[in-house]
Structure formats: structure tokens, C-alpha cells
Amino acid sequence: MGRKKVEMKRIEDKSSRYATFSKRRSGLMKKARELSILCDVEVSLVIFSSRGKLYEFSSTDCVRPEDFWSSCLFSPSPFS
């Protein structure tokens, strides 16, 4: 038996919405960490909650996410 597909619509109940956000945020950060380990890539993740709280993840300990984004935005594209 598989999981039931979740309908993509806003969760109206505030406490349910926050609980879902917390669970999914944790899952997303776990996936980002796994991706960085498995593929040997740098990953930076920035999330703002509806309450305005900042959550961040960076696979490189010595790099702040702000610095990571700046270096990506202002460096020449490796795909050009």
C-alpha cells in the first residue's frame, strides 16, 4: 500500500498548518543534507516561515548562507 496523495491547497487551521510546516521543513533540510553528502555538492537552503522566522542550512560549515548566495550570484556561470 502506498501513501495517499496530498491535495495541494492551503491548510486553513493555523496549528495544523504550523505542524505541517515544521515537519516538512525538517524533511527538506534532511534531503538537502543527504544531497550534499551523496553527490558531493554544496547546498544552501533558506526558508522564511509565515511568521517571518528564518531557517537556514548550509552544507559547508565555514560558509554562511548569505555569503554562499552572494558568491553564486556574482561569479561567472560555469554553464556559459
C-alpha atoms as a PDB file:
ATOM      1  CA  MET A   1       0.000   0.000   0.000  1.00  0.00           C
ATOM      2  CA  GLY A   2       1.296   3.431  -0.963  1.00  0.00           C
ATOM      3  CA  ARG A   3       0.732   6.751   0.663  1.00  0.00           C
ATOM      4  CA  LYS A   4      -2.333   8.799  -0.137  1.00  0.00           C
ATOM      5  CA  LYS A   5      -1.673  11.770  -2.411  1.00  0.00           C
ATOM      6  CA  VAL A   6      -1.936  15.085  -0.556  1.00  0.00           C
ATOM      7  CA  GLU A   7      -4.112  17.721  -2.183  1.00  0.00           C
ATOM      8  CA  MET A   8      -2.090  20.908  -2.746  1.00  0.00           C
ATOM      9  CA  LYS A   9      -4.151  23.617  -1.101  1.00  0.00           C
ATOM     10  CA  ARG A  10      -3.626  25.970   1.819  1.00  0.00           C
ATOM     11  CA  ILE A  11      -4.210  24.425   5.243  1.00  0.00           C
ATOM     12  CA  GLU A  12      -6.769  26.667   6.912  1.00  0.00           C
ATOM     13  CA  ASP A  13      -6.270  25.545  10.538  1.00  0.00           C
ATOM     14  CA  LYS A  14      -3.354  27.565  11.918  1.00  0.00           C
ATOM     15  CA  SER A  15      -1.997  24.907  14.290  1.00  0.00           C
ATOM     16  CA  SER A  16      -2.208  22.160  11.634  1.00  0.00           C
ATOM     17  CA  ARG A  17      -0.501  24.452   9.130  1.00  0.00           C
ATOM     18  CA  TYR A  18       2.356  25.177  11.546  1.00  0.00           C
ATOM     19  CA  ALA A  19       2.753  21.476  12.435  1.00  0.00           C
ATOM     20  CA  THR A  20       2.886  20.573   8.734  1.00  0.00           C
ATOM     21  CA  PHE A  21       5.398  23.357   8.088  1.00  0.00           C
ATOM     22  CA  SER A  22       7.656  22.112  10.895  1.00  0.00           C
ATOM     23  CA  LYS A  23       7.579  18.501   9.670  1.00  0.00           C
ATOM     24  CA  ARG A  24       8.143  19.415   6.030  1.00  0.00           C
ATOM     25  CA  ARG A  25      10.902  21.894   6.902  1.00  0.00           C
ATOM     26  CA  SER A  26      12.743  19.170   8.797  1.00  0.00           C
ATOM     27  CA  GLY A  27      12.292  16.764   5.884  1.00  0.00           C
ATOM     28  CA  LEU A  28      13.523  19.323   3.368  1.00  0.00           C
ATOM     29  CA  MET A  29      16.628  20.071   5.436  1.00  0.00           C
ATOM     30  CA  LYS A  30      17.317  16.345   5.770  1.00  0.00           C
ATOM     31  CA  LYS A  31      17.057  15.923   1.977  1.00  0.00           C
ATOM     32  CA  ALA A  32      19.401  18.884   1.434  1.00  0.00           C
ATOM     33  CA  ARG A  33      21.959  17.331   3.798  1.00  0.00           C
ATOM     34  CA  GLU A  34      21.644  13.934   2.059  1.00  0.00           C
ATOM     35  CA  LEU A  35      22.061  15.522  -1.381  1.00  0.00           C
ATOM     36  CA  SER A  36      25.223  17.314  -0.292  1.00  0.00           C
ATOM     37  CA  ILE A  37      26.726  14.094   1.091  1.00  0.00           C
ATOM     38  CA  LEU A  38      25.681  11.703  -1.685  1.00  0.00           C
ATOM     39  CA  CYS A  39      26.571  13.964  -4.607  1.00  0.00           C
ATOM     40  CA  ASP A  40      29.464  15.878  -3.015  1.00  0.00           C
ATOM     41  CA  VAL A  41      27.860  19.247  -3.781  1.00  0.00           C
ATOM     42  CA  GLU A  42      27.401  22.444  -1.804  1.00  0.00           C
ATOM     43  CA  VAL A  43      23.804  23.062  -0.802  1.00  0.00           C
ATOM     44  CA  SER A  44      22.351  26.157   0.794  1.00  0.00           C
ATOM     45  CA  LEU A  45      18.733  26.404   1.868  1.00  0.00           C
ATOM     46  CA  VAL A  46      16.903  29.481   3.173  1.00  0.00           C
ATOM     47  CA  ILE A  47      13.316  29.246   4.444  1.00  0.00           C
ATOM     48  CA  PHE A  48      11.117  32.008   5.852  1.00  0.00           C
ATOM     49  CA  SER A  49       8.056  30.950   7.848  1.00  0.00           C
ATOM     50  CA  SER A  50       4.730  32.769   7.608  1.00  0.00           C
ATOM     51  CA  ARG A  51       5.667  34.301  10.966  1.00  0.00           C
ATOM     52  CA  GLY A  52       8.830  35.752   9.418  1.00  0.00           C
ATOM     53  CA  LYS A  53      11.260  33.407  11.159  1.00  0.00           C
ATOM     54  CA  LEU A  54      14.392  32.489   9.206  1.00  0.00           C
ATOM     55  CA  TYR A  55      15.599  28.890   8.931  1.00  0.00           C
ATOM     56  CA  GLU A  56      18.803  28.141   7.064  1.00  0.00           C
ATOM     57  CA  PHE A  57      21.007  25.225   6.132  1.00  0.00           C
ATOM     58  CA  SER A  58      24.430  25.219   4.527  1.00  0.00           C
ATOM     59  CA  SER A  59      26.365  22.063   3.721  1.00  0.00           C
ATOM     60  CA  THR A  60      29.636  23.924   4.245  1.00  0.00           C
ATOM     61  CA  ASP A  61      30.240  24.734   7.907  1.00  0.00           C
ATOM     62  CA  CYS A  62      32.500  27.710   7.319  1.00  0.00           C
ATOM     63  CA  VAL A  63      30.195  29.451   4.810  1.00  0.00           C
ATOM     64  CA  ARG A  64      27.190  31.469   5.909  1.00  0.00           C
ATOM     65  CA  PRO A  65      24.214  31.057   3.520  1.00  0.00           C
ATOM     66  CA  GLU A  66      24.320  34.803   2.730  1.00  0.00           C
ATOM     67  CA  ASP A  67      27.945  34.507   1.591  1.00  0.00           C
ATOM     68  CA  PHE A  68      27.172  31.336  -0.354  1.00  0.00           C
ATOM     69  CA  TRP A  69      24.357  33.050  -2.290  1.00  0.00           C
ATOM     70  CA  SER A  70      26.480  36.127  -2.965  1.00  0.00           C
ATOM     71  CA  SER A  71      29.304  34.029  -4.389  1.00  0.00           C
ATOM     72  CA  CYS A  72      26.862  32.168  -6.656  1.00  0.00           C
ATOM     73  CA  LEU A  73      25.096  35.303  -7.875  1.00  0.00           C
ATOM     74  CA  PHE A  74      28.205  37.315  -8.667  1.00  0.00           C
ATOM     75  CA  SER A  75      30.503  34.630 -10.077  1.00  0.00           C
ATOM     76  CA  PRO A  76      30.584  33.714 -13.770  1.00  0.00           C
ATOM     77  CA  SER A  77      28.259  30.885 -14.703  1.00  0.00           C
ATOM     78  CA  PRO A  78      30.009  27.527 -15.150  1.00  0.00           C
ATOM     79  CA  PHE A  79      27.451  26.697 -17.877  1.00  0.00           C
ATOM     80  CA  SER A  80      28.304  29.600 -20.232  1.00  0.00           C
END
